[in-house]
Structures are given as structure tokens and as C-alpha cells.
Amino acid sequence: MVSSTVNAFDTQHEDMIHDAQLDYYGKKLATCSSDRCIRIFDVDGENHRHVETLTGHAGPVWQVAWAHPKFGNILASCSYDCKVIIWREVGGRFQNIKEYAGHSSSVNAVAWAPHEYGLILACASSDDNISILTWKEDNTWDVQSFKAHSYGCNAVSWAPATVPGSLVQTSGASTGALNTKRFASGGCDNLVKIWREENGAWKQEEVLEGHTDWVRDVAWAPNTGLPSSDLASCSQDKTVLIWSHQGGNSMWTKKSLKKDNFSDAVWRVSWSTSGNILAVSSGDNKVTLWKEGLESEYQQIGDRWKFRKPGVHVYLKQDVEGLGEAGEIVIADTLKVRNLLVPFGLAYYVPRHKFKALLPQGWEPKTSGEEFTEQIVPAVQFESDVIDDVTPDSSSFGFERPTVTISMPNLALMQKVKEVRFQRMRVSEDSDRIFGSVAADNVIEAIFKQIGVIIEKSSLQMERIKTLGKTTVEINFGPSIEPLKIDVIVEEEGK
């Protein structure tokens, strides 16, 4: 087994973290979370200094990806809100330079192409489509979109730009020649697909069948100059497959990473820079490291890191076979929630507070199916009248949020709301900084509890409040109506 050092630190995210990525030089770290924020850290050895928080998404942010530094400090992010945002550091601050909203469902993955091809981003979505965004010299972006997988696309990974076999090539094409643009994708149809650019359009080159459940992730191995191309895929079926192609007209071959299955669904796979070690993240709360041996069999060389099992509490609106009945709160697989249950109106997210789901008193996890039996957070004992301290996802309310037109009676009711109050814990005696924050969703729910009217989030002009005291916010009802001002008062808890 390899030895390693684990360095943990508090990111100050207010909900589950979904991704963390170091830049090319390992000097900047980007993390993203269900709190809808991206946090940027400067990395110096074991020290991590928070330098900026990026806000712009209206839902959980699933993944982030750094572009090659030849283009500057550029970061892409994708979210449940159906958007992709491209950020660029200008004058020490990150700016939103491109917002792509061409997908109709959650965007689950983003990946930059090898820098030799230019600034090109692939985006995979639950709407079955993949989009390719290409930056042009006139500072605009060309967009190509095509259907890739039935029931949703979960992952994309680009092939290296270097032609396989360049290290051992003795004649023929130049060793500096670029490979044809290719990438792999994985989807909810249990398939891995290879795509190739041909005459400016993207064509399906190969369909790789081997998994028996959703493909969670794909990772194309870096090209070390040897003749073969290698691709790793992982799945809900608890397996990792290694796909190899020897070039020319040969067929892709597959082999299992290990003889027996993993103990749980496998979520992510990632190759080392040299392409000889594969990291595997699985639902048994572990990251394991694997290296190919002399007989082309992969051997486990590391088993060190343990994490919380992925999953989320949802309230079922309808009966779901194998999961539960309408009206029940259950723990469901995160990917199934964001790709199936919520988009198709089968469930709501259960609101969360300080990383814990706000659950009815006495609630216990169901045990009706192995995929959904693991309780990932303790059942906390909240009475219904104290659920006023929630920062939920965009669809996390425990009731359906109808679109409300502000009629004159509603406007009259709104004018009665002068203030809303919240209690938060103070971080320290010498600071007004609070644990957590007060967000727009908190204010919207507090107004609803006062007068029974739900306002549109877009009409509420406010930033997250992170200190004790009074903040005046505005609610805009339209050009012909004067904005309504409301005081948001944050008091110290227990005082």
C-alpha cells in the first residue's frame, strides 16, 4: 500500500460539496456545493486561503473544471439550474464571461478539451444532450448541441491530443501531429460512447456496451506515447471497466478493474498525470488507487480515504417502485434524484439546515431496497414550528411553489410586511459574523409564513447576509410600482 498525507480543512460551504478541482499548477482550488456557490482558494502546501466566492447559479453546482493556463485563469461550472457559467480571473477577481443556458435540464458535467485544440468546453446534461462550446477570435462562442444518451448524460472526458504511438513511431506522420478531436461520454442508458469531430460536426464513432446500470463517470487516460488508448468507466452496477484500443481498425476491448464487484456503486474515476494510476471513488465511502501490473492486471495500491455516502432526503409526491409511497420521506441516490425524481415531478428535496435534513420527529430510514437503505445524516428532532432557518435548493420547499402574480390584494398584504427576523449563532464574541447565512429563500419563506404570499425570487434584491444586524432589502413588483423595502433583522441566537 502507498503512504499518503490527508490534509482536511473547512471550506465554509453551507451544504454538501459535489466537486473540488486544483488548477494546472496546483496553486488554486475550486470547490462547488449545493449551497449554489463556488469557492476559490489559494493553495500553498498544506495551507488553503479563501480568496473569493462565486455566485451566479440558482441551484446546486455539480462540477467545476479549470482550463489550461495558456488561456488565463478560466473556470467552468455547471448546475442543476440548467446553466453553464465560464469565469475568468481579471485583475485578481473572477468575472462571468459566458453564461450558457441552452439545456432544458440539469447540466451534470463539464470538461475542457486539450489546449492544443483551443478553448473548447463539453457539457453533459440530463436532457439527453451534449453541448460543445468553442471560443472564437472575435470573443464570441460557437455552440453545437446534439443528442447523446437516452434518459440523460452524466459524464464527458476528452481524448488526448497526442497521436497514440508517437513515442515508438519510426515513420509516417510527424510526432507533432494532432489526433482527431474525440471525447467519451457516459449516460443513463448504461452505455459509454465515443464521439469524433468530422467536417465540423460530431459523429458517434463507437458504442461500448458492458455496464448494466447508469454510467456515472468516464476518464480517458493521458497519452504516454504508447500505441494504445485507454478509457476507464464506472457505474451504478458497482463495476469499473478499462477499455483499450490498439489503433487502426482494431476493436475496443474491455476488462474489469477487479475480479469481483465493488461493495457499492462507483461514482468517479480519475487517472494520474502519467496515466499509470487510477483513483476510484465509490459509495462504500472510500477512494482506492489502482496500478496496472506486468501481466496487464490491475492491482490495488491504496485504500486510505473515507467519505460520507452520497444520498439525499426527498419527499415523495408519487409512489416510486422500489423506493417508497407518496407522502413518505426517503433517502435516495443523489444522481437519481437530480436526473429523475425531481425533474419529473416525483419528489421534492427535503430542506436542510447545517448539513442536516429537517425531518419529522421520530422519522426513521426505510429499508426497502439496498440502494436506498443507508442513512447519511442523523434524524434530527425538529418540531415543525422551528423550521425557519433553512437555506434550501431551488426546489427544496416542503410545498409546491406556485408562480404568484402580485395582484392589488397581494400588494396590500405585502405592504404590511415591515420586517422579518432570524436568529443565528455568533462566530465569536469579538465579531458580528454568524454561522451560516440568511439567503433570499429564507426571506421568501418568512414572508410566506407572515401573510401567505410567495414572491418570485427574481424580484427580491439581496445578497446573502452573513453578519448580525439590520439589512434593508428591496422587492420589485414592476416598473410602475415603487419597490417595497423590508428590514431583515438577524439577532444573536439565545440572546
Protein backbone atom coordinates (compact mmCIF):
# COMPACT_ATOMS: atom_id res chain seq x y z
CA MET A 1 0.00 0.00 0.00
CA VAL A 2 1.16 3.54 -0.69
CA SER A 3 1.62 6.03 2.12
CA SER A 4 -0.06 9.42 1.96
CA THR A 5 -0.94 12.51 3.90
CA VAL A 6 -4.53 13.67 4.23
CA ASN A 7 -4.99 17.41 4.70
CA ALA A 8 -8.54 18.45 5.60
CA PHE A 9 -9.89 21.99 6.02
CA ASP A 10 -13.23 23.73 6.36
CA THR A 11 -14.40 25.23 3.05
CA GLN A 12 -17.24 27.15 4.77
CA HIS A 13 -19.73 25.80 2.25
CA GLU A 14 -23.22 25.65 3.75
CA ASP A 15 -24.29 22.37 2.14
CA MET A 16 -22.89 19.23 0.53
CA ILE A 17 -19.74 19.65 -1.58
CA HIS A 18 -20.01 17.99 -5.01
CA ASP A 19 -16.63 18.67 -6.60
CA ALA A 20 -13.15 20.03 -5.87
CA GLN A 21 -10.56 20.74 -8.57
CA LEU A 22 -6.99 22.03 -8.49
CA ASP A 23 -5.75 24.14 -11.38
CA TYR A 24 -2.91 23.11 -13.71
CA TYR A 25 -0.18 24.18 -11.29
CA GLY A 26 -1.96 23.04 -8.11
CA LYS A 27 -1.94 26.61 -6.79
CA LYS A 28 -5.68 27.30 -6.89
CA LEU A 29 -8.52 25.12 -5.66
CA ALA A 30 -12.16 25.47 -6.73
CA THR A 31 -14.97 23.79 -4.78
CA CYS A 32 -18.69 23.72 -5.51
CA SER A 33 -21.72 22.82 -3.45
CA SER A 34 -25.47 22.54 -3.14
CA ASP A 35 -25.32 25.98 -1.49
CA ARG A 36 -25.11 27.27 -5.12
CA CYS A 37 -21.66 28.76 -4.57
CA ILE A 38 -18.18 28.17 -5.93
CA ARG A 39 -15.33 28.96 -3.56
CA ILE A 40 -11.78 29.71 -4.74
CA PHE A 41 -8.75 29.04 -2.54
CA ASP A 42 -5.07 29.83 -2.92
CA VAL A 43 -3.06 26.71 -2.11
CA ASP A 44 0.40 26.86 -0.52
CA GLY A 45 1.48 23.45 0.70
CA GLU A 46 -0.99 22.43 3.39
CA ASN A 47 -2.39 25.97 3.67
CA HIS A 48 -5.62 26.95 1.92
CA ARG A 49 -6.63 30.61 1.88
CA HIS A 50 -10.12 31.54 0.71
CA VAL A 51 -9.89 34.35 -1.83
CA GLU A 52 -13.31 34.56 -3.49
CA THR A 53 -16.83 33.15 -3.58
CA LEU A 54 -18.51 32.98 -6.99
CA THR A 55 -22.30 33.28 -7.11
CA GLY A 56 -24.40 33.10 -10.23
CA HIS A 57 -26.08 29.71 -10.20
CA ALA A 58 -29.65 29.28 -8.94
CA GLY A 59 -29.29 25.62 -8.00
CA PRO A 60 -26.74 23.10 -6.71
CA VAL A 61 -23.42 23.31 -8.56
CA TRP A 62 -22.35 19.81 -9.58
CA GLN A 63 -18.93 20.23 -11.17
CA VAL A 64 -16.13 22.69 -11.92
CA ALA A 65 -13.27 22.47 -14.44
CA TRP A 66 -10.13 24.59 -14.96
CA ALA A 67 -8.97 25.42 -18.47
CA HIS A 68 -5.29 25.23 -19.46
CA PRO A 69 -3.32 28.23 -18.12
CA LYS A 70 -2.29 29.33 -21.65
CA PHE A 71 -5.80 30.87 -21.80
CA GLY A 72 -5.52 32.54 -18.38
CA ASN A 73 -7.27 31.53 -15.15
CA ILE A 74 -10.56 30.26 -16.58
CA LEU A 75 -13.04 28.08 -14.72
CA ALA A 76 -16.24 26.42 -15.95
CA SER A 77 -19.12 25.39 -13.69
CA CYS A 78 -22.37 23.50 -14.27
CA SER A 79 -25.52 23.31 -12.20
CA TYR A 80 -28.96 21.87 -11.61
CA ASP A 81 -30.28 25.27 -12.81
CA CYS A 82 -29.61 24.09 -16.43
CA LYS A 83 -26.77 26.58 -16.88
CA VAL A 84 -23.06 26.53 -17.57
CA ILE A 85 -21.02 29.56 -16.46
CA ILE A 86 -17.49 30.32 -17.62
CA TRP A 87 -15.47 32.51 -15.23
CA ARG A 88 -12.21 34.33 -15.92
CA GLU A 89 -9.86 35.99 -13.45
CA VAL A 90 -9.38 39.66 -14.34
CA GLY A 91 -7.43 41.94 -12.04
CA GLY A 92 -7.46 39.39 -9.24
CA ARG A 93 -11.25 38.86 -9.37
CA PHE A 94 -13.26 36.27 -11.28
CA GLN A 95 -15.83 37.57 -13.76
CA ASN A 96 -18.68 35.79 -15.52
CA ILE A 97 -17.58 35.93 -19.19
CA LYS A 98 -20.07 33.42 -20.61
CA GLU A 99 -23.39 32.06 -19.41
CA TYR A 100 -24.81 29.22 -21.48
CA ALA A 101 -28.47 28.31 -20.87
CA GLY A 102 -29.11 26.05 -23.86
CA HIS A 103 -30.01 22.95 -21.86
CA SER A 104 -33.51 22.20 -20.58
CA SER A 105 -32.47 20.11 -17.58
CA SER A 106 -29.64 19.73 -15.08
CA VAL A 107 -26.12 20.08 -16.52
CA ASN A 108 -24.16 17.32 -14.81
CA ALA A 109 -20.61 17.56 -16.14
CA VAL A 110 -18.19 19.91 -17.91
CA ALA A 111 -14.76 19.15 -19.40
CA TRP A 112 -12.24 21.29 -21.30
CA ALA A 113 -10.66 19.88 -24.45
CA PRO A 114 -6.85 19.54 -24.69
CA HIS A 115 -5.37 23.01 -25.07
CA GLU A 116 -3.90 22.16 -28.48
CA TYR A 117 -7.42 22.32 -29.93
CA GLY A 118 -8.20 25.75 -28.49
CA LEU A 119 -10.62 26.82 -25.77
CA ILE A 120 -13.39 24.21 -26.14
CA LEU A 121 -15.81 23.02 -23.46
CA ALA A 122 -18.03 19.91 -23.48
CA CYS A 123 -21.19 19.95 -21.33
CA ALA A 124 -23.33 16.90 -20.46
CA SER A 125 -26.97 17.25 -19.41
CA SER A 126 -29.93 15.29 -18.10
CA ASP A 127 -31.88 16.48 -21.18
CA ASP A 128 -30.00 13.71 -23.13
CA ASN A 129 -27.80 16.26 -24.95
CA ILE A 130 -24.14 17.23 -25.06
CA SER A 131 -23.15 20.78 -25.97
CA ILE A 132 -19.75 21.84 -27.31
CA LEU A 133 -18.81 25.49 -26.68
CA THR A 134 -15.91 26.84 -28.76
CA TRP A 135 -14.30 30.26 -28.19
CA LYS A 136 -13.56 32.25 -31.36
CA GLU A 137 -11.09 35.04 -32.03
CA ASP A 138 -13.85 37.66 -32.14
CA ASN A 139 -14.58 36.85 -28.48
CA THR A 140 -17.81 35.00 -29.24
CA TRP A 141 -18.68 31.37 -28.60
CA ASP A 142 -19.82 28.85 -31.19
CA VAL A 143 -22.28 26.26 -29.83
CA GLN A 144 -23.01 22.77 -31.14
CA SER A 145 -25.56 20.55 -29.38
CA PHE A 146 -26.65 17.00 -30.15
CA LYS A 147 -28.49 14.10 -28.53
CA ALA A 148 -26.03 11.70 -26.92
CA HIS A 149 -27.77 9.37 -24.46
CA SER A 150 -31.31 8.32 -23.66
CA TYR A 151 -32.52 9.27 -20.16
CA GLY A 152 -29.64 11.68 -19.56
CA CYS A 153 -25.89 12.15 -19.85
CA ASN A 154 -23.72 12.07 -16.73
CA ALA A 155 -20.09 12.46 -17.78
CA VAL A 156 -17.69 13.57 -20.53
CA SER A 157 -13.93 13.13 -20.97
CA TRP A 158 -11.71 14.23 -23.86
CA ALA A 159 -9.16 12.03 -25.62
CA PRO A 160 -5.57 13.30 -25.54
CA ALA A 161 -4.47 15.45 -28.46
CA THR A 162 -1.27 13.43 -28.98
CA VAL A 163 -1.48 10.67 -31.57
CA PRO A 164 -1.22 7.24 -29.87
CA GLY A 165 2.11 5.56 -30.58
CA SER A 166 4.08 8.76 -31.16
CA LEU A 167 6.75 7.61 -28.72
CA VAL A 168 7.55 4.46 -30.70
CA GLN A 169 6.73 5.77 -34.18
CA THR A 170 9.62 5.39 -36.64
CA SER A 171 7.98 6.54 -39.88
CA GLY A 172 4.83 8.07 -41.25
CA ALA A 173 3.08 11.02 -39.66
CA SER A 174 5.03 13.58 -37.71
CA THR A 175 5.29 13.00 -33.98
CA GLY A 176 3.88 16.51 -33.53
CA ALA A 177 0.65 15.69 -35.40
CA LEU A 178 -2.60 16.19 -33.54
CA ASN A 179 -5.11 13.43 -33.05
CA THR A 180 -8.65 13.84 -34.39
CA LYS A 181 -10.85 15.52 -31.77
CA ARG A 182 -12.58 12.82 -29.74
CA PHE A 183 -14.29 12.51 -26.39
CA ALA A 184 -16.13 9.84 -24.42
CA SER A 185 -19.47 10.18 -22.69
CA GLY A 186 -21.39 8.08 -20.18
CA GLY A 187 -25.14 8.04 -19.68
CA CYS A 188 -28.25 6.68 -18.03
CA ASP A 189 -28.70 4.23 -20.93
CA ASN A 190 -25.82 2.18 -19.39
CA LEU A 191 -23.59 2.99 -22.38
CA VAL A 192 -20.20 4.57 -22.98
CA LYS A 193 -19.96 6.35 -26.33
CA ILE A 194 -17.02 7.68 -28.34
CA TRP A 195 -17.60 10.83 -30.41
CA ARG A 196 -15.41 12.14 -33.24
CA GLU A 197 -15.41 15.50 -34.99
CA GLU A 198 -15.85 15.08 -38.73
CA ASN A 199 -16.13 18.02 -41.15
CA GLY A 200 -17.10 20.33 -38.31
CA ALA A 201 -19.85 18.05 -36.95
CA TRP A 202 -19.81 15.49 -34.15
CA LYS A 203 -20.39 11.87 -35.13
CA GLN A 204 -20.85 8.79 -32.97
CA GLU A 205 -17.77 6.61 -33.55
CA GLU A 206 -18.25 3.76 -31.08
CA VAL A 207 -20.83 2.44 -28.62
CA LEU A 208 -19.23 0.49 -25.77
CA GLU A 209 -21.56 -1.94 -24.03
CA GLY A 210 -20.57 -3.56 -20.78
CA HIS A 211 -22.30 -1.87 -17.88
CA THR A 212 -25.73 -2.98 -16.63
CA ASP A 213 -26.72 0.27 -14.90
CA TRP A 214 -26.13 4.01 -15.22
CA VAL A 215 -22.61 5.04 -16.17
CA ARG A 216 -21.53 7.56 -13.55
CA ASP A 217 -18.19 8.73 -14.93
CA VAL A 218 -15.70 8.24 -17.75
CA ALA A 219 -12.00 9.16 -17.81
CA TRP A 220 -9.69 8.99 -20.81
CA ALA A 221 -6.14 8.13 -19.76
CA PRO A 222 -3.33 10.58 -20.62
CA ASN A 223 -1.32 9.53 -23.68
CA THR A 224 2.20 8.50 -22.72
CA GLY A 225 3.25 7.94 -26.33
CA LEU A 226 2.44 4.22 -26.40
CA PRO A 227 0.27 2.77 -29.20
CA SER A 228 -2.88 2.06 -27.14
CA SER A 229 -5.68 4.33 -25.96
CA ASP A 230 -7.20 3.54 -22.54
CA LEU A 231 -10.50 4.67 -21.09
CA ALA A 232 -11.99 3.99 -17.65
CA SER A 233 -15.72 3.97 -16.89
CA CYS A 234 -17.60 3.40 -13.66
CA SER A 235 -21.21 2.62 -12.97
CA GLN A 236 -24.08 2.20 -10.60
CA ASP A 237 -23.63 -1.54 -11.25
CA LYS A 238 -20.63 -1.48 -8.85
CA THR A 239 -18.01 -2.06 -11.54
CA VAL A 240 -15.13 -0.22 -13.17
CA LEU A 241 -14.25 -1.19 -16.73
CA ILE A 242 -11.00 -0.44 -18.56
CA TRP A 243 -11.48 -0.06 -22.32
CA SER A 244 -8.45 -0.32 -24.63
CA HIS A 245 -7.93 0.41 -28.32
CA GLN A 246 -4.75 -0.57 -30.16
CA GLY A 247 -5.27 1.81 -33.06
CA GLY A 248 -6.19 1.37 -36.71
CA ASN A 249 -9.23 -0.79 -37.36
CA SER A 250 -8.93 -2.77 -34.14
CA MET A 251 -11.93 -3.12 -31.86
CA TRP A 252 -12.23 -1.69 -28.37
CA THR A 253 -11.69 -4.38 -25.73
CA LYS A 254 -12.76 -4.28 -22.11
CA LYS A 255 -11.67 -5.80 -18.84
CA SER A 256 -12.82 -5.34 -15.28
CA LEU A 257 -10.60 -3.38 -12.93
CA LYS A 258 -11.07 -6.13 -10.33
CA LYS A 259 -12.44 -9.66 -10.47
CA ASP A 260 -15.31 -9.07 -8.08
CA ASN A 261 -17.58 -6.05 -7.87
CA PHE A 262 -17.09 -3.10 -5.57
CA SER A 263 -19.31 -3.17 -2.50
CA ASP A 264 -21.36 -0.22 -3.72
CA ALA A 265 -21.98 2.00 -6.75
CA VAL A 266 -18.84 3.61 -8.18
CA TRP A 267 -19.11 7.37 -8.65
CA ARG A 268 -15.88 8.79 -10.05
CA VAL A 269 -12.69 7.64 -11.78
CA SER A 270 -9.58 9.77 -12.35
CA TRP A 271 -6.16 8.99 -13.85
CA SER A 272 -2.85 10.27 -12.55
CA THR A 273 -0.95 12.71 -14.78
CA SER A 274 1.29 9.90 -16.02
CA GLY A 275 -1.71 7.68 -16.75
CA ASN A 276 -0.43 4.70 -14.74
CA ILE A 277 -2.56 5.04 -11.57
CA LEU A 278 -6.36 5.15 -11.45
CA ALA A 279 -8.24 6.64 -8.48
CA VAL A 280 -11.71 5.21 -7.85
CA SER A 281 -14.37 6.82 -5.64
CA SER A 282 -17.23 4.54 -4.60
CA GLY A 283 -20.35 4.50 -2.49
CA ASP A 284 -18.68 2.48 0.26
CA ASN A 285 -17.15 5.79 1.39
CA LYS A 286 -13.66 5.02 0.06
CA VAL A 287 -11.18 6.21 -2.54
CA THR A 288 -8.92 3.42 -3.78
CA LEU A 289 -5.83 3.56 -6.03
CA TRP A 290 -5.07 1.00 -8.74
CA LYS A 291 -1.98 0.35 -10.87
CA GLU A 292 -1.53 -1.95 -13.85
CA GLY A 293 0.85 -4.86 -13.20
CA LEU A 294 3.23 -6.70 -15.50
CA GLU A 295 0.50 -9.09 -16.70
CA SER A 296 -1.93 -6.25 -17.51
CA GLU A 297 -3.92 -6.94 -14.36
CA TYR A 298 -4.72 -4.00 -12.13
CA GLN A 299 -3.63 -4.21 -8.51
CA GLN A 300 -4.87 -2.10 -5.63
CA ILE A 301 -2.08 0.01 -4.16
CA GLY A 302 -4.01 2.35 -1.88
CA ASP A 303 -7.11 2.35 0.31
CA ARG A 304 -6.96 5.33 2.58
CA TRP A 305 -9.67 7.91 2.34
CA LYS A 306 -13.20 7.52 3.63
CA PHE A 307 -16.09 9.86 2.96
CA ARG A 308 -19.81 10.12 3.57
CA LYS A 309 -22.02 8.03 1.30
CA PRO A 310 -23.77 10.10 -1.42
CA GLY A 311 -27.51 10.42 -0.99
CA VAL A 312 -30.25 12.90 -0.23
CA HIS A 313 -33.58 13.04 1.61
CA VAL A 314 -36.64 13.58 -0.59
CA TYR A 315 -40.37 13.84 -0.03
CA LEU A 316 -42.20 11.60 -2.50
CA LYS A 317 -45.10 13.22 -4.38
CA GLN A 318 -45.99 9.91 -6.07
CA ASP A 319 -45.42 6.21 -5.47
CA VAL A 320 -41.98 5.15 -6.75
CA GLU A 321 -41.40 1.44 -7.19
CA GLY A 322 -38.56 0.16 -5.02
CA LEU A 323 -38.29 3.45 -3.13
CA GLY A 324 -41.50 4.36 -1.35
CA GLU A 325 -45.05 5.63 -1.43
CA ALA A 326 -46.44 9.12 -1.93
CA GLY A 327 -46.12 11.21 1.24
CA GLU A 328 -43.08 9.38 2.58
CA ILE A 329 -39.63 10.87 3.23
CA VAL A 330 -36.88 8.55 2.00
CA ILE A 331 -33.14 8.64 1.25
CA ALA A 332 -32.48 8.33 -2.48
CA ASP A 333 -29.41 8.13 -4.65
CA THR A 334 -28.23 11.67 -5.47
CA LEU A 335 -27.95 11.15 -9.22
CA LYS A 336 -31.39 9.53 -9.44
CA VAL A 337 -32.83 12.47 -7.51
CA ARG A 338 -31.39 15.15 -9.79
CA ASN A 339 -31.90 13.24 -13.07
CA LEU A 340 -35.23 11.53 -12.45
CA LEU A 341 -37.19 12.16 -9.28
CA VAL A 342 -37.17 15.98 -9.10
CA PRO A 343 -37.16 16.84 -12.85
CA PHE A 344 -40.14 14.52 -13.47
CA GLY A 345 -42.12 15.85 -10.51
CA LEU A 346 -41.89 12.64 -8.48
CA ALA A 347 -40.29 14.19 -5.39
CA TYR A 348 -39.23 17.36 -3.57
CA TYR A 349 -35.94 17.93 -1.83
CA VAL A 350 -36.28 17.94 1.97
CA PRO A 351 -34.93 21.29 3.27
CA ARG A 352 -31.55 21.12 5.02
CA HIS A 353 -30.08 23.10 7.87
CA LYS A 354 -26.40 22.97 8.83
CA PHE A 355 -25.85 19.85 6.69
CA LYS A 356 -28.82 18.01 8.25
CA ALA A 357 -32.19 17.32 6.69
CA LEU A 358 -35.12 18.84 8.59
CA LEU A 359 -37.04 15.65 9.33
CA PRO A 360 -40.30 14.94 11.18
CA GLN A 361 -39.91 13.89 14.80
CA GLY A 362 -39.39 10.15 15.04
CA TRP A 363 -38.55 9.67 11.35
CA GLU A 364 -36.51 6.55 10.59
CA PRO A 365 -34.92 5.48 7.29
CA LYS A 366 -36.69 2.91 5.13
CA THR A 367 -35.08 -0.44 4.47
CA SER A 368 -36.90 -1.49 1.30
CA GLY A 369 -34.14 -1.90 -1.26
CA GLU A 370 -30.38 -1.99 -0.96
CA GLU A 371 -29.76 1.19 -2.95
CA PHE A 372 -31.72 3.33 -0.53
CA THR A 373 -31.06 1.89 2.93
CA GLU A 374 -28.04 3.93 4.01
CA GLN A 375 -28.86 6.86 6.25
CA ILE A 376 -26.32 9.59 5.51
CA VAL A 377 -27.35 12.14 8.15
CA PRO A 378 -28.83 11.61 11.61
CA ALA A 379 -32.56 12.01 12.08
CA VAL A 380 -32.73 15.32 13.94
CA GLN A 381 -35.62 16.16 16.22
CA PHE A 382 -37.10 19.41 14.87
CA GLU A 383 -40.63 20.48 15.61
CA SER A 384 -42.49 21.94 12.61
CA ASP A 385 -42.67 25.42 14.10
CA VAL A 386 -38.90 25.89 14.17
CA ILE A 387 -38.18 25.21 10.51
CA ASP A 388 -37.41 28.87 9.84
CA ASP A 389 -33.65 28.55 9.44
CA VAL A 390 -33.37 26.83 6.07
CA THR A 391 -31.24 27.58 3.04
CA PRO A 392 -32.81 25.11 0.59
CA ASP A 393 -32.06 24.26 -3.01
CA SER A 394 -34.15 25.99 -5.69
CA SER A 395 -36.87 23.36 -5.28
CA SER A 396 -36.38 22.46 -1.63
CA PHE A 397 -39.59 23.80 -0.08
CA GLY A 398 -41.83 21.20 1.50
CA PHE A 399 -44.74 22.55 -0.52
CA GLU A 400 -45.19 23.36 -4.18
CA ARG A 401 -44.16 26.92 -5.01
CA PRO A 402 -46.74 28.28 -7.46
CA THR A 403 -45.96 31.26 -9.65
CA VAL A 404 -47.73 34.19 -8.00
CA THR A 405 -48.81 37.32 -9.79
CA ILE A 406 -48.78 40.28 -7.41
CA SER A 407 -52.37 41.41 -7.52
CA MET A 408 -53.61 44.52 -5.69
CA PRO A 409 -54.82 42.48 -2.67
CA ASN A 410 -51.44 40.71 -2.50
CA LEU A 411 -49.64 44.03 -2.86
CA ALA A 412 -51.66 45.42 0.02
CA LEU A 413 -50.69 42.42 2.12
CA MET A 414 -47.06 42.85 1.17
CA GLN A 415 -47.09 46.46 2.34
CA LYS A 416 -47.92 45.20 5.83
CA VAL A 417 -44.60 43.34 6.00
CA LYS A 418 -42.13 45.74 7.58
CA GLU A 419 -39.51 43.29 8.79
CA VAL A 420 -38.56 39.66 9.07
CA ARG A 421 -36.40 38.31 11.88
CA PHE A 422 -33.91 35.47 12.11
CA GLN A 423 -31.70 34.10 14.84
CA ARG A 424 -28.17 32.89 14.18
CA MET A 425 -25.20 31.88 16.30
CA ARG A 426 -22.35 34.38 16.54
CA VAL A 427 -18.97 33.02 15.38
CA SER A 428 -17.05 34.75 18.20
CA GLU A 429 -17.58 37.41 20.84
CA ASP A 430 -15.41 39.94 19.01
CA SER A 431 -17.15 39.54 15.66
CA ASP A 432 -20.63 40.03 14.22
CA ARG A 433 -20.02 37.19 11.77
CA ILE A 434 -22.64 34.43 12.03
CA PHE A 435 -22.57 30.72 11.37
CA GLY A 436 -24.34 30.11 8.07
CA SER A 437 -26.21 32.99 6.47
CA VAL A 438 -29.63 34.42 5.65
CA ALA A 439 -30.44 33.93 1.98
CA ALA A 440 -33.25 35.04 -0.33
CA ASP A 441 -35.09 31.74 0.15
CA ASN A 442 -35.14 32.31 3.92
CA VAL A 443 -36.74 35.73 3.45
CA ILE A 444 -39.27 34.39 0.92
CA GLU A 445 -40.35 31.65 3.32
CA ALA A 446 -40.55 34.08 6.26
CA ILE A 447 -42.82 36.38 4.22
CA PHE A 448 -44.98 33.41 3.25
CA LYS A 449 -45.39 32.47 6.93
CA GLN A 450 -46.47 36.03 7.77
CA ILE A 451 -49.03 36.70 5.03
CA GLY A 452 -49.38 33.53 2.92
CA VAL A 453 -47.96 35.12 -0.25
CA ILE A 454 -44.99 33.69 -2.14
CA ILE A 455 -42.91 36.23 -4.03
CA GLU A 456 -40.71 35.43 -7.01
CA LYS A 457 -37.05 35.11 -6.09
CA SER A 458 -36.04 37.30 -9.03
CA SER A 459 -37.97 40.21 -7.53
CA LEU A 460 -36.00 40.16 -4.26
CA GLN A 461 -32.82 42.23 -4.46
CA MET A 462 -30.42 40.97 -1.79
CA GLU A 463 -27.08 39.30 -1.18
CA ARG A 464 -26.58 36.59 1.41
CA ILE A 465 -26.42 38.17 4.88
CA LYS A 466 -23.56 36.84 6.97
CA THR A 467 -23.48 39.22 9.96
CA LEU A 468 -25.73 40.23 12.84
CA GLY A 469 -27.73 43.42 12.49
CA LYS A 470 -30.30 45.04 10.20
CA THR A 471 -30.20 44.96 6.41
CA THR A 472 -32.78 46.69 4.22
CA VAL A 473 -33.72 44.79 1.07
CA GLU A 474 -35.97 45.73 -1.86
CA ILE A 475 -38.74 43.78 -3.57
CA ASN A 476 -39.51 44.91 -7.12
CA PHE A 477 -43.03 44.36 -8.48
CA GLY A 478 -42.61 46.02 -11.85
CA PRO A 479 -41.75 49.34 -13.49
CA SER A 480 -44.99 51.04 -12.47
CA ILE A 481 -44.86 50.06 -8.79
CA GLU A 482 -42.44 51.54 -6.30
CA PRO A 483 -40.14 48.91 -4.76
CA LEU A 484 -41.11 47.70 -1.31
CA LYS A 485 -38.42 47.95 1.38
CA ILE A 486 -38.23 45.34 4.14
CA ASP A 487 -35.81 45.16 7.06
CA VAL A 488 -34.12 41.80 7.53
CA ILE A 489 -33.00 41.62 11.16
CA VAL A 490 -30.51 38.98 12.24
CA GLU A 491 -30.27 38.56 16.00
CA GLU A 492 -27.89 36.51 18.09
CA GLU A 493 -29.34 33.15 18.97
CA GLY A 494 -30.10 32.74 22.68
CA LYS A 495 -29.96 36.48 23.47
